[in-house]
């Protein structure tokens, strides 16, 4: 869905595509109580205020988490 009146951060996994691009994939459940999902996240997808829903392949801003994400 479209984002509301504040910046939002979605838990995601970060992978390298065959062409070398970094690809962030949001976890299907984003409930704040999903702490197990947060421990598996490599990055957070940053959703701007009022952002429309992103489609697969759209460019997004991310916030890398931990040392594992530095490989990109």
N, C-alpha and C. Protein backbone atom coordinates (compact mmCIF):
# COMPACT_ATOMS: atom_id res chain seq x y z
N UNK A 1 0.82 -1.21 0.00
CA UNK A 1 0.00 0.00 0.00
C UNK A 1 0.86 1.26 0.00
N UNK A 2 0.25 2.38 -0.34
CA UNK A 2 0.96 3.66 -0.29
C UNK A 2 1.38 3.95 1.14
N UNK A 3 2.48 4.67 1.30
CA UNK A 3 2.98 5.01 2.62
C UNK A 3 2.20 6.20 3.18
N UNK A 4 2.18 6.31 4.50
CA UNK A 4 1.43 7.36 5.17
C UNK A 4 2.21 8.65 5.32
N UNK A 5 2.00 9.34 6.45
CA UNK A 5 2.55 10.67 6.68
C UNK A 5 3.89 10.67 7.39
N UNK A 6 4.56 9.52 7.42
CA UNK A 6 5.89 9.47 8.02
C UNK A 6 6.78 8.51 7.23
N UNK A 7 8.09 8.72 7.34
CA UNK A 7 9.02 7.82 6.69
C UNK A 7 8.89 6.44 7.34
N UNK A 8 8.99 5.40 6.55
CA UNK A 8 8.80 4.04 7.04
C UNK A 8 10.01 3.21 6.63
N UNK A 9 10.31 2.19 7.42
CA UNK A 9 11.44 1.31 7.16
C UNK A 9 10.94 -0.13 7.13
N UNK A 10 11.20 -0.83 6.04
CA UNK A 10 10.74 -2.21 5.88
C UNK A 10 11.92 -3.17 5.98
N UNK A 11 11.77 -4.21 6.78
CA UNK A 11 12.81 -5.23 6.90
C UNK A 11 12.94 -5.98 5.58
N UNK A 12 14.21 -6.23 5.19
CA UNK A 12 14.43 -6.87 3.89
C UNK A 12 15.72 -7.68 3.88
N UNK A 13 15.82 -8.57 2.90
CA UNK A 13 17.07 -9.30 2.67
C UNK A 13 17.75 -8.69 1.45
N UNK A 14 19.07 -8.71 1.46
CA UNK A 14 19.86 -8.10 0.40
C UNK A 14 20.67 -9.19 -0.29
N UNK A 15 20.57 -9.27 -1.62
CA UNK A 15 21.30 -10.27 -2.40
C UNK A 15 21.94 -9.60 -3.60
N UNK A 16 22.87 -10.30 -4.22
CA UNK A 16 23.49 -9.81 -5.45
C UNK A 16 22.90 -10.56 -6.63
N UNK A 17 22.35 -9.82 -7.59
CA UNK A 17 21.78 -10.42 -8.81
C UNK A 17 22.90 -10.88 -9.73
N UNK A 18 22.57 -11.69 -10.72
CA UNK A 18 23.55 -12.22 -11.67
C UNK A 18 24.32 -11.10 -12.38
N UNK A 19 23.66 -9.95 -12.58
CA UNK A 19 24.32 -8.83 -13.26
C UNK A 19 25.09 -7.92 -12.30
N UNK A 20 25.18 -8.31 -11.01
CA UNK A 20 25.96 -7.55 -10.04
C UNK A 20 25.17 -6.52 -9.25
N UNK A 21 23.91 -6.30 -9.61
CA UNK A 21 23.10 -5.33 -8.87
C UNK A 21 22.74 -5.88 -7.50
N UNK A 22 22.64 -4.97 -6.52
CA UNK A 22 22.12 -5.34 -5.21
C UNK A 22 20.60 -5.36 -5.30
N UNK A 23 19.98 -6.41 -4.78
CA UNK A 23 18.52 -6.56 -4.83
C UNK A 23 18.00 -6.72 -3.41
N UNK A 24 17.14 -5.80 -3.00
CA UNK A 24 16.51 -5.86 -1.68
C UNK A 24 15.11 -6.44 -1.84
N UNK A 25 14.80 -7.44 -1.03
CA UNK A 25 13.48 -8.07 -1.06
C UNK A 25 12.85 -7.93 0.32
N UNK A 26 11.74 -7.21 0.38
CA UNK A 26 11.05 -7.00 1.66
C UNK A 26 10.47 -8.30 2.18
N UNK A 27 10.52 -8.49 3.49
CA UNK A 27 9.88 -9.65 4.09
C UNK A 27 8.37 -9.47 4.00
N UNK A 28 7.62 -10.56 3.82
CA UNK A 28 6.17 -10.45 3.63
C UNK A 28 5.44 -9.87 4.83
N UNK A 29 5.91 -10.16 6.04
CA UNK A 29 5.25 -9.64 7.24
C UNK A 29 6.14 -8.58 7.88
N UNK A 30 5.59 -7.40 8.11
CA UNK A 30 6.34 -6.27 8.64
C UNK A 30 5.86 -5.82 10.01
N UNK A 31 5.04 -6.59 10.67
CA UNK A 31 4.51 -6.23 11.98
C UNK A 31 5.66 -5.93 12.95
N UNK A 32 5.52 -4.90 13.77
CA UNK A 32 6.59 -4.50 14.69
C UNK A 32 6.94 -5.58 15.71
N UNK A 33 6.04 -6.52 15.94
CA UNK A 33 6.31 -7.60 16.90
C UNK A 33 7.11 -8.74 16.28
N UNK A 34 7.41 -8.66 14.99
CA UNK A 34 8.12 -9.74 14.30
C UNK A 34 9.64 -9.60 14.50
N UNK A 35 10.10 -9.80 15.72
CA UNK A 35 11.52 -9.62 16.02
C UNK A 35 12.40 -10.66 15.34
N UNK A 36 11.90 -11.87 15.15
CA UNK A 36 12.69 -12.90 14.47
C UNK A 36 13.04 -12.45 13.05
N UNK A 37 12.09 -11.82 12.37
CA UNK A 37 12.35 -11.33 11.01
C UNK A 37 13.41 -10.23 11.04
N UNK A 38 13.39 -9.40 12.06
CA UNK A 38 14.37 -8.32 12.16
C UNK A 38 15.79 -8.88 12.30
N UNK A 39 15.94 -9.99 13.03
CA UNK A 39 17.27 -10.57 13.20
C UNK A 39 17.81 -11.16 11.90
N UNK A 40 16.95 -11.46 10.94
CA UNK A 40 17.37 -12.03 9.65
C UNK A 40 17.56 -10.96 8.58
N UNK A 41 17.20 -9.72 8.88
CA UNK A 41 17.27 -8.65 7.88
C UNK A 41 18.72 -8.22 7.63
N UNK A 42 19.07 -8.02 6.36
CA UNK A 42 20.37 -7.47 5.96
C UNK A 42 20.29 -5.96 5.79
N UNK A 43 19.06 -5.46 5.58
CA UNK A 43 18.88 -4.04 5.31
C UNK A 43 17.45 -3.64 5.64
N UNK A 44 17.24 -2.34 5.64
CA UNK A 44 15.89 -1.78 5.74
C UNK A 44 15.63 -1.00 4.46
N UNK A 45 14.47 -1.20 3.85
CA UNK A 45 14.06 -0.40 2.70
C UNK A 45 13.43 0.87 3.25
N UNK A 46 13.90 2.02 2.79
CA UNK A 46 13.40 3.31 3.26
C UNK A 46 12.26 3.75 2.36
N UNK A 47 11.09 3.94 2.96
CA UNK A 47 9.92 4.41 2.19
C UNK A 47 9.65 5.85 2.58
N UNK A 48 9.69 6.73 1.61
CA UNK A 48 9.47 8.16 1.85
C UNK A 48 8.03 8.45 2.22
N UNK A 49 7.82 9.60 2.81
CA UNK A 49 6.47 10.06 3.17
C UNK A 49 5.61 10.09 1.91
N UNK A 50 4.45 9.47 1.97
CA UNK A 50 3.51 9.46 0.86
C UNK A 50 3.93 8.62 -0.34
N UNK A 51 4.96 7.79 -0.19
CA UNK A 51 5.45 6.98 -1.31
C UNK A 51 4.37 6.02 -1.80
N UNK A 52 4.33 5.85 -3.11
CA UNK A 52 3.43 4.86 -3.71
C UNK A 52 4.06 3.48 -3.54
N UNK A 53 3.27 2.42 -3.66
CA UNK A 53 3.83 1.07 -3.53
C UNK A 53 4.91 0.83 -4.60
N UNK A 54 6.02 0.21 -4.19
CA UNK A 54 7.07 -0.13 -5.15
C UNK A 54 6.72 -1.44 -5.85
N UNK A 55 7.14 -1.54 -7.10
CA UNK A 55 6.94 -2.77 -7.87
C UNK A 55 8.28 -3.49 -7.97
N UNK A 56 8.25 -4.78 -8.20
CA UNK A 56 9.49 -5.55 -8.38
C UNK A 56 10.34 -4.88 -9.45
N UNK A 57 11.60 -4.67 -9.14
CA UNK A 57 12.52 -4.04 -10.08
C UNK A 57 12.69 -2.55 -9.90
N UNK A 58 11.80 -1.90 -9.11
CA UNK A 58 11.93 -0.47 -8.86
C UNK A 58 13.18 -0.19 -8.02
N UNK A 59 13.81 0.96 -8.24
CA UNK A 59 14.92 1.39 -7.39
C UNK A 59 14.37 1.86 -6.06
N UNK A 60 15.03 1.46 -4.98
CA UNK A 60 14.64 1.90 -3.64
C UNK A 60 15.90 2.30 -2.87
N UNK A 61 15.72 3.14 -1.87
CA UNK A 61 16.83 3.47 -0.97
C UNK A 61 16.84 2.43 0.15
N UNK A 62 18.06 2.06 0.59
CA UNK A 62 18.16 1.11 1.69
C UNK A 62 19.09 1.63 2.77
N UNK A 63 18.96 1.06 3.94
CA UNK A 63 19.87 1.29 5.05
C UNK A 63 20.47 -0.07 5.37
N UNK A 64 21.76 -0.30 5.02
CA UNK A 64 22.38 -1.60 5.30
C UNK A 64 22.45 -1.84 6.81
N UNK A 65 22.32 -3.09 7.22
CA UNK A 65 22.43 -3.48 8.62
C UNK A 65 23.59 -4.45 8.79
N UNK A 66 24.44 -4.21 9.75
CA UNK A 66 25.51 -5.15 10.08
C UNK A 66 26.62 -5.19 9.05
N UNK A 67 27.61 -5.98 9.35
CA UNK A 67 28.79 -6.08 8.49
C UNK A 67 28.53 -6.88 7.23
N UNK A 68 27.59 -7.82 7.25
CA UNK A 68 27.30 -8.64 6.08
C UNK A 68 26.89 -7.82 4.87
N UNK A 69 26.22 -6.70 5.11
CA UNK A 69 25.73 -5.88 4.00
C UNK A 69 26.85 -5.10 3.32
N UNK A 70 28.03 -5.02 3.92
CA UNK A 70 29.11 -4.24 3.34
C UNK A 70 29.72 -4.88 2.10
N UNK A 71 29.33 -6.09 1.78
CA UNK A 71 29.87 -6.76 0.60
C UNK A 71 29.33 -6.17 -0.70
N UNK A 72 28.32 -5.28 -0.62
CA UNK A 72 27.71 -4.72 -1.83
C UNK A 72 28.34 -3.40 -2.17
